């Protein structure tokens, strides 16, 4: 089954195999002159995420258009996450693999408002096998 080209700035993956890459968090660490080890960086159908050894998870959602803070729907809970545009089905939604600290987590719009970025603070240093529990069912 062929995979079509992804939107600019986003990798598309076969959900059965997953795609690993080094960008996002790793590039930011390198440009800041910091040593950072990324445990995993994965591209899903409508979002990408990277899990770093710093205890943070960065989730990037390309929005397809420039958006402002009133245009996005962000719901960050200790065990659940939903990100996307208001009035549309969330690009990422579900139960998180582990627990995060919502008070230490945050989000912002990058690349001229075309990418929603959520930075999630893990509660513990445990290794996550995926961002969402339901992703492991695809493997």
Protein backbone atom coordinates (compact mmCIF):
# COMPACT_ATOMS: atom_id res chain seq x y z
CA UNK A 1 0.00 0.00 0.00
CA UNK A 2 1.71 3.24 -1.10
CA UNK A 3 1.97 6.17 1.28
CA UNK A 4 1.17 9.59 -0.15
CA UNK A 5 3.42 12.58 0.36
CA UNK A 6 2.86 14.26 3.74
CA UNK A 7 2.14 17.97 4.16
CA UNK A 8 5.28 20.16 4.25
CA UNK A 9 7.13 19.83 7.54
CA UNK A 10 5.48 16.56 8.54
CA UNK A 11 6.55 12.99 8.04
CA UNK A 12 3.95 10.34 7.38
CA UNK A 13 4.46 6.85 8.67
CA UNK A 14 3.16 3.38 8.28
CA UNK A 15 1.30 2.89 11.58
CA UNK A 16 2.41 -0.74 11.68
CA UNK A 17 6.09 0.15 11.49
CA UNK A 18 6.45 3.73 12.73
CA UNK A 19 9.02 6.21 11.46
CA UNK A 20 11.91 7.36 13.54
CA UNK A 21 13.68 10.67 12.88
CA UNK A 22 15.79 13.25 14.64
CA UNK A 23 14.40 16.78 14.34
CA UNK A 24 12.20 18.90 16.64
CA UNK A 25 13.57 18.61 20.16
CA UNK A 26 16.98 17.36 19.02
CA UNK A 27 17.48 20.30 16.64
CA UNK A 28 16.50 22.76 19.37
CA UNK A 29 19.00 21.23 21.78
CA UNK A 30 21.78 21.28 19.23
CA UNK A 31 21.11 24.92 18.28
CA UNK A 32 21.08 25.83 21.99
CA UNK A 33 24.41 24.07 22.50
CA UNK A 34 22.93 21.48 24.86
CA UNK A 35 23.53 17.76 24.94
CA UNK A 36 20.19 16.00 24.69
CA UNK A 37 19.39 12.38 24.11
CA UNK A 38 16.07 11.70 22.43
CA UNK A 39 14.53 8.40 23.47
CA UNK A 40 12.16 8.37 20.50
CA UNK A 41 10.77 10.65 17.84
CA UNK A 42 7.77 9.32 15.97
CA UNK A 43 5.60 10.59 13.14
CA UNK A 44 1.96 9.59 13.29
CA UNK A 45 -0.76 10.29 10.75
CA UNK A 46 -1.59 13.87 11.86
CA UNK A 47 1.14 14.74 14.39
CA UNK A 48 4.70 14.04 15.45
CA UNK A 49 6.15 13.64 18.91
CA UNK A 50 9.51 13.24 20.54
CA UNK A 51 10.25 11.86 23.98
CA UNK A 52 13.48 13.22 25.45
CA UNK A 53 15.53 12.08 28.42
CA UNK A 54 14.79 15.46 30.05
CA UNK A 55 11.36 14.23 31.08
CA UNK A 56 9.59 16.26 28.40
CA UNK A 57 7.53 15.17 25.45
CA UNK A 58 7.09 17.53 22.52
CA UNK A 59 3.98 17.03 20.37
CA UNK A 60 3.79 18.92 17.04
CA UNK A 61 0.50 19.26 15.16
CA UNK A 62 0.58 20.86 11.68
CA UNK A 63 -2.67 22.84 11.41
CA UNK A 64 -2.82 23.29 7.66
CA UNK A 65 -3.33 27.04 7.99
CA UNK A 66 -2.24 29.95 10.16
CA UNK A 67 -4.19 29.99 13.43
CA UNK A 68 -4.39 32.14 16.52
CA UNK A 69 -4.81 31.07 20.13
CA UNK A 70 -8.60 31.38 19.84
CA UNK A 71 -8.61 28.98 16.87
CA UNK A 72 -7.08 25.99 18.64
CA UNK A 73 -8.51 23.46 21.06
CA UNK A 74 -6.02 22.31 23.69
CA UNK A 75 -6.91 19.96 26.53
CA UNK A 76 -3.95 18.79 28.62
CA UNK A 77 -4.84 16.53 31.55
CA UNK A 78 -2.74 14.23 33.74
CA UNK A 79 -3.69 11.13 31.73
CA UNK A 80 -5.39 12.51 28.58
CA UNK A 81 -4.50 14.81 25.72
CA UNK A 82 -6.47 16.46 22.90
CA UNK A 83 -4.96 18.95 20.41
CA UNK A 84 -6.30 20.46 17.20
CA UNK A 85 -8.41 23.21 15.68
CA UNK A 86 -11.70 24.26 17.27
CA UNK A 87 -14.73 22.85 15.50
CA UNK A 88 -12.72 19.97 13.99
CA UNK A 89 -11.87 16.49 15.15
CA UNK A 90 -8.66 16.69 17.23
CA UNK A 91 -5.48 15.79 15.38
CA UNK A 92 -4.32 13.93 18.50
CA UNK A 93 -6.63 12.71 21.25
CA UNK A 94 -6.59 9.89 23.74
CA UNK A 95 -5.20 8.40 26.92
CA UNK A 96 -1.53 9.10 27.53
CA UNK A 97 0.95 6.24 27.97
CA UNK A 98 1.87 7.58 31.41
CA UNK A 99 1.10 10.53 33.67
CA UNK A 100 2.12 14.12 33.01
CA UNK A 101 2.07 17.24 35.16
CA UNK A 102 -0.47 19.56 33.48
CA UNK A 103 0.73 22.54 35.55
CA UNK A 104 4.28 22.15 34.21
CA UNK A 105 3.12 21.47 30.64
CA UNK A 106 2.45 24.20 28.09
CA UNK A 107 1.61 24.87 24.46
CA UNK A 108 2.37 27.47 21.81
CA UNK A 109 1.90 28.20 18.11
CA UNK A 110 5.03 27.97 15.95
CA UNK A 111 5.93 28.61 12.33
CA UNK A 112 3.60 31.58 11.89
CA UNK A 113 0.73 29.86 13.69
CA UNK A 114 0.70 26.87 11.35
CA UNK A 115 2.01 24.36 13.92
CA UNK A 116 0.59 23.74 17.40
CA UNK A 117 3.34 22.58 19.78
CA UNK A 118 2.58 21.10 23.19
CA UNK A 119 5.41 20.39 25.65
CA UNK A 120 4.32 17.83 28.24
CA UNK A 121 6.18 17.32 31.52
CA UNK A 122 6.32 13.63 32.49
CA UNK A 123 5.53 12.94 36.17
CA UNK A 124 8.12 10.16 36.42
CA UNK A 125 11.20 9.09 34.52
CA UNK A 126 9.59 5.84 33.37
CA UNK A 127 10.11 4.94 29.72
CA UNK A 128 7.09 5.50 27.51
CA UNK A 129 6.50 3.08 24.63
CA UNK A 130 4.28 5.62 22.84
CA UNK A 131 2.52 8.93 23.37
CA UNK A 132 -0.96 7.41 23.53
CA UNK A 133 -1.99 3.99 24.84
CA UNK A 134 -3.98 3.26 21.68
CA UNK A 135 -0.86 3.72 19.51
CA UNK A 136 0.62 0.49 20.84
CA UNK A 137 -2.40 -1.40 19.48
CA UNK A 138 -1.28 -0.31 15.98
CA UNK A 139 2.14 -1.98 16.30
